[in-house]
Every structure is written in C-alpha cells, then in structure tokens.
Amino acid sequence: MEGIKNWVDIRTKIASAFNGFAGEQDKVPYLQQARIAGGFDDIFFGTPSGEMHRSHPERNRADYDPRTRPWYQDAKAANKQIITEAYQDAITNALLVTIAEPVKTNGRLAGIVGADVLIDQLVDDVISLNVGKNASAMLIDLTNGTFLAHPNKSLLLKPVTALGQNFNTQTIQQKVADRSILDVTLSGSEKLMFFSQVPGTNCICD
C-alpha cells in the first residue's frame, strides 16, 4: 500500500508542479522537464480558448480541441486533480490513464494540465513493488470495477468479477471499511487479500 501511495504521490505532485509555469510564453520546455521527472508518456496543457501545448510538440494535431476531451472536462467539473479511467489515446492509440487538474490565475481558469501514464508502465511499476515474500500487488479502479494493474496481465482492464462472482467491488469496499482480510480460493489456491484505498484516487490496492 505505501509503495503504491508513494508512486501516485510522486506523479501527482509532479503534474501539479507545472502550475507555476503555466503563464510562461513557451511552455514546452517546462512540460518536457515534468514529463521526464515523472516518467510520463506525455504532459500537456489545454486552455479555455482551445490551445494545446504538449511536451511532444510533434503530436499536436490541428483538429484536436482539448476542451472536448474527458480529461479536460472532468478536471474542470471537479475543480481539483483527478485520475481518469483507462482509455485509448486519441493521438497515439495507446491505453493510458491521465492525471489532470485545473490551473488558475487570479482565481480564473487558465487551463487544464494533464499527464499521461501508460497502462503497460502502470502495470509494470505496480507489480514490481516489493510487497513481501509470497505476495503481490494489484490496483483496482472502483469507478468501473476493473483491474488497472494485476500480476496476471490477461486480467488488465477486465472486471474484478473475472476472478469469481464473490470477488466484487461491494465486497472489496466493505473489506476496506472494516480493515479486514478477504479469504478467497482462486484457481484452487487459498489467498488472503488486504485492501486499502489509495489516497486522492478512486483506486483500491491489494
């Protein structure tokens, strides 16, 4: 749990750090620095007038309007940092999640900064965490009840019920609230699972 929390914290803080440079005329160098620091696939800034600034300028497309994208709309509506559900990128077609948050100047919306994390990278980072002997980590998106990361990559973005009807978000959320262990049998093997909410997200880690 602590490892995943730290992973999320580092990347959300780096995404937030761009706020101080949003007023710069040339935003690309700052976006590129943030992308490298956070290990993001891309980091970008969309404005209320429809301008789009990317750490990968070559990915800009004339018909792309950031204001129509869910990451922009959801962060604007929430008025705080959000982490999107997994989706396919409109430019690269890669599967990813976006950390996005509003940037304000004198109380007015200057734009939305977004940072893309590839699902493959997320999976590799989460399952490589040192969680102890004979243990492994997984990450569940409670927004849609799917696996964002799991040691078995065939379960990626599949509903948690793929492990069995008794393994569902309602049960998982109850175990989080109770801080109790779930005892289940998966593929003939008994497993003990402990779930925790990842602060600042709608994700659960095991």
Protein backbone atom coordinates (compact mmCIF):
# COMPACT_ATOMS: atom_id res chain seq x y z
CA MET A 1 0.00 0.00 0.00
CA GLU A 2 2.71 2.51 0.97
CA GLY A 3 4.62 1.80 -2.23
CA ILE A 4 1.59 2.45 -4.43
CA LYS A 5 0.70 5.58 -2.42
CA ASN A 6 4.23 6.90 -2.94
CA TRP A 7 4.06 6.07 -6.67
CA VAL A 8 0.82 8.05 -7.01
CA ASP A 9 2.02 10.90 -4.77
CA ILE A 10 5.21 11.47 -6.75
CA ARG A 11 3.41 11.66 -10.07
CA THR A 12 0.51 13.80 -8.91
CA LYS A 13 2.93 16.27 -7.32
CA ILE A 14 4.99 16.48 -10.49
CA ALA A 15 1.82 17.11 -12.53
CA SER A 16 0.87 19.86 -10.06
CA ALA A 17 4.34 21.41 -10.22
CA PHE A 18 3.68 22.67 -13.75
CA ASN A 19 1.13 25.14 -12.34
CA GLY A 20 3.88 27.62 -11.54
CA PHE A 21 4.98 27.75 -15.18
CA ALA A 22 1.58 27.87 -16.90
CA GLY A 23 1.97 31.62 -17.50
CA GLU A 24 5.22 31.23 -19.42
CA GLN A 25 5.11 32.15 -23.11
CA ASP A 26 6.95 28.99 -24.18
CA LYS A 27 5.51 26.19 -22.08
CA VAL A 28 7.11 23.27 -23.93
CA PRO A 29 10.48 23.20 -22.05
CA TYR A 30 8.66 23.08 -18.69
CA LEU A 31 6.30 20.37 -19.89
CA GLN A 32 9.27 18.34 -21.15
CA GLN A 33 11.05 18.65 -17.80
CA ALA A 34 7.92 17.49 -15.96
CA ARG A 35 7.47 14.56 -18.35
CA ILE A 36 11.00 13.32 -17.77
CA ALA A 37 10.81 13.84 -13.99
CA GLY A 38 7.56 11.87 -13.69
CA GLY A 39 8.28 9.23 -16.29
CA PHE A 40 5.07 10.21 -18.10
CA ASP A 41 4.29 9.30 -21.69
CA ASP A 42 3.27 12.92 -22.24
CA ILE A 43 2.31 16.00 -20.24
CA PHE A 44 0.25 18.77 -21.76
CA PHE A 45 -1.72 21.94 -21.12
CA GLY A 46 -5.09 22.76 -22.69
CA THR A 47 -6.57 26.25 -22.46
CA PRO A 48 -10.16 27.59 -22.37
CA SER A 49 -9.57 29.03 -25.86
CA GLY A 50 -8.72 25.58 -27.23
CA GLU A 51 -4.92 25.90 -27.42
CA MET A 52 -2.94 22.72 -26.77
CA HIS A 53 0.69 22.67 -25.57
CA ARG A 54 2.47 19.29 -25.39
CA SER A 55 5.81 18.02 -24.15
CA HIS A 56 5.80 16.18 -27.50
CA PRO A 57 5.01 19.08 -29.90
CA GLU A 58 5.12 16.66 -32.84
CA ARG A 59 1.92 15.06 -31.51
CA ASN A 60 -0.09 18.26 -31.93
CA ARG A 61 -2.94 17.93 -34.39
CA ALA A 62 -4.83 20.84 -35.95
CA ASP A 63 -8.28 19.33 -35.32
CA TYR A 64 -7.58 18.43 -31.66
CA ASP A 65 -9.59 20.53 -29.19
CA PRO A 66 -8.64 19.78 -25.55
CA ARG A 67 -11.94 21.25 -24.33
CA THR A 68 -13.82 18.30 -25.83
CA ARG A 69 -11.71 15.66 -24.08
CA PRO A 70 -12.91 13.88 -20.91
CA TRP A 71 -9.67 14.63 -19.00
CA TYR A 72 -10.24 18.37 -19.54
CA GLN A 73 -13.97 18.31 -18.85
CA ASP A 74 -13.76 16.07 -15.77
CA ALA A 75 -10.95 18.05 -14.12
CA LYS A 76 -12.75 21.32 -14.85
CA ALA A 77 -16.03 19.99 -13.42
CA ALA A 78 -14.34 18.53 -10.33
CA ASN A 79 -12.31 21.72 -9.81
CA LYS A 80 -9.49 19.57 -8.43
CA GLN A 81 -6.96 16.97 -9.52
CA ILE A 82 -8.46 13.78 -10.92
CA ILE A 83 -7.21 10.48 -12.31
CA THR A 84 -9.24 9.30 -15.28
CA GLU A 85 -10.47 5.83 -16.09
CA ALA A 86 -8.29 3.94 -18.54
CA TYR A 87 -8.91 4.92 -22.16
CA GLN A 88 -7.34 4.83 -25.63
CA ASP A 89 -5.41 7.97 -26.52
CA ALA A 90 -6.80 9.91 -29.49
CA ILE A 91 -3.31 10.64 -30.87
CA THR A 92 -1.18 7.56 -30.12
CA ASN A 93 -3.97 4.94 -29.63
CA ALA A 94 -2.11 3.74 -26.52
CA LEU A 95 -4.05 2.63 -23.42
CA LEU A 96 -3.43 5.02 -20.55
CA VAL A 97 -4.77 6.98 -17.59
CA THR A 98 -4.44 10.74 -17.25
CA ILE A 99 -3.71 12.75 -14.12
CA ALA A 100 -5.39 16.12 -14.75
CA GLU A 101 -6.04 19.26 -12.74
CA PRO A 102 -7.18 22.85 -13.20
CA VAL A 103 -4.62 25.66 -13.30
CA LYS A 104 -5.90 29.04 -12.13
CA THR A 105 -4.53 32.58 -12.38
CA ASN A 106 -6.05 35.19 -10.07
CA GLY A 107 -8.94 32.84 -9.42
CA ARG A 108 -9.75 32.29 -13.10
CA LEU A 109 -9.24 29.10 -15.07
CA ALA A 110 -6.04 29.35 -17.13
CA GLY A 111 -6.30 25.78 -18.40
CA ILE A 112 -6.04 22.12 -17.50
CA VAL A 113 -2.71 20.33 -17.14
CA GLY A 114 -2.74 16.63 -17.91
CA ALA A 115 -0.12 13.91 -17.58
CA ASP A 116 -0.44 10.53 -19.29
CA VAL A 117 0.66 7.27 -17.67
CA LEU A 118 0.76 4.28 -20.00
CA ILE A 119 -1.17 1.27 -18.70
CA ASP A 120 1.79 -1.00 -19.51
CA GLN A 121 4.04 1.23 -17.41
CA LEU A 122 1.49 1.35 -14.59
CA VAL A 123 1.23 -2.45 -14.57
CA ASP A 124 5.00 -2.94 -14.59
CA ASP A 125 5.54 -0.36 -11.82
CA VAL A 126 2.81 -1.72 -9.54
CA ILE A 127 3.57 -5.43 -9.86
CA SER A 128 7.30 -4.79 -9.38
CA LEU A 129 6.71 -3.18 -5.97
CA ASN A 130 8.30 -5.07 -3.10
CA VAL A 131 5.27 -6.13 -1.05
CA GLY A 132 6.87 -9.04 0.77
CA LYS A 133 7.61 -12.71 0.24
CA ASN A 134 4.90 -14.78 -1.49
CA ALA A 135 2.83 -11.63 -2.02
CA SER A 136 1.89 -9.45 -4.96
CA ALA A 137 0.13 -6.15 -5.58
CA MET A 138 -2.86 -5.26 -7.72
CA LEU A 139 -4.66 -2.00 -8.44
CA ILE A 140 -8.44 -1.77 -8.88
CA ASP A 141 -10.37 1.15 -10.38
CA LEU A 142 -13.58 1.44 -8.37
CA THR A 143 -15.08 3.83 -10.92
CA ASN A 144 -15.79 0.94 -13.25
CA GLY A 145 -14.74 -2.08 -11.15
CA THR A 146 -11.80 -3.14 -13.31
CA PHE A 147 -8.19 -4.16 -12.78
CA LEU A 148 -5.78 -1.32 -13.63
CA ALA A 149 -2.81 -3.48 -12.68
CA HIS A 150 -2.52 -7.18 -11.88
CA PRO A 151 0.30 -9.75 -12.00
CA ASN A 152 -1.83 -11.69 -14.49
CA LYS A 153 -1.82 -9.29 -17.46
CA SER A 154 -4.74 -11.12 -19.08
CA LEU A 155 -6.93 -9.51 -16.38
CA LEU A 156 -5.86 -5.99 -17.37
CA LEU A 157 -8.95 -3.72 -17.64
CA LYS A 158 -11.21 -6.73 -17.01
CA PRO A 159 -13.95 -6.56 -14.34
CA VAL A 160 -12.89 -7.81 -10.93
CA THR A 161 -15.67 -10.40 -11.14
CA ALA A 162 -13.46 -12.20 -13.68
CA LEU A 163 -11.89 -13.80 -10.59
CA GLY A 164 -15.30 -15.01 -9.42
CA GLN A 165 -18.75 -13.58 -8.66
CA ASN A 166 -17.90 -13.36 -4.94
CA PHE A 167 -14.95 -11.13 -5.78
CA ASN A 168 -16.74 -7.84 -6.42
CA THR A 169 -16.40 -4.14 -5.65
CA GLN A 170 -19.05 -4.25 -2.92
CA THR A 171 -17.11 -6.92 -1.02
CA ILE A 172 -13.82 -5.11 -1.60
CA GLN A 173 -15.20 -1.78 -0.35
CA GLN A 174 -16.61 -3.49 2.75
CA LYS A 175 -13.20 -5.01 3.50
CA VAL A 176 -11.60 -1.57 3.10
CA ALA A 177 -14.10 -0.10 5.57
CA ASP A 178 -13.65 -2.97 8.05
CA ARG A 179 -9.89 -3.15 7.52
CA SER A 180 -10.37 -6.91 7.42
CA ILE A 181 -8.83 -9.67 5.32
CA LEU A 182 -10.67 -11.40 2.48
CA ASP A 183 -10.11 -15.16 2.40
CA VAL A 184 -10.80 -16.50 -1.11
CA THR A 185 -9.95 -19.53 -3.21
CA LEU A 186 -8.68 -18.69 -6.68
CA SER A 187 -7.78 -21.40 -9.21
CA GLY A 188 -7.77 -23.95 -6.40
CA SER A 189 -5.41 -21.95 -4.17
CA GLU A 190 -6.36 -20.16 -0.96
CA LYS A 191 -5.50 -16.46 -0.99
CA LEU A 192 -5.54 -13.84 1.76
CA MET A 193 -6.20 -10.32 0.50
CA PHE A 194 -5.97 -6.98 2.30
CA PHE A 195 -7.27 -3.88 0.51
CA SER A 196 -6.53 -0.19 1.01
CA GLN A 197 -7.79 2.99 -0.59
CA VAL A 198 -5.11 4.90 -2.48
CA PRO A 199 -5.44 8.46 -1.09
CA GLY A 200 -6.65 11.07 -3.56
CA THR A 201 -7.91 8.47 -6.08
CA ASN A 202 -10.84 6.16 -6.65
CA CYS A 203 -8.46 3.20 -6.66
CA ILE A 204 -8.00 0.28 -4.28
CA CYS A 205 -4.72 -1.59 -3.90
CA ASP A 206 -4.19 -5.10 -2.60
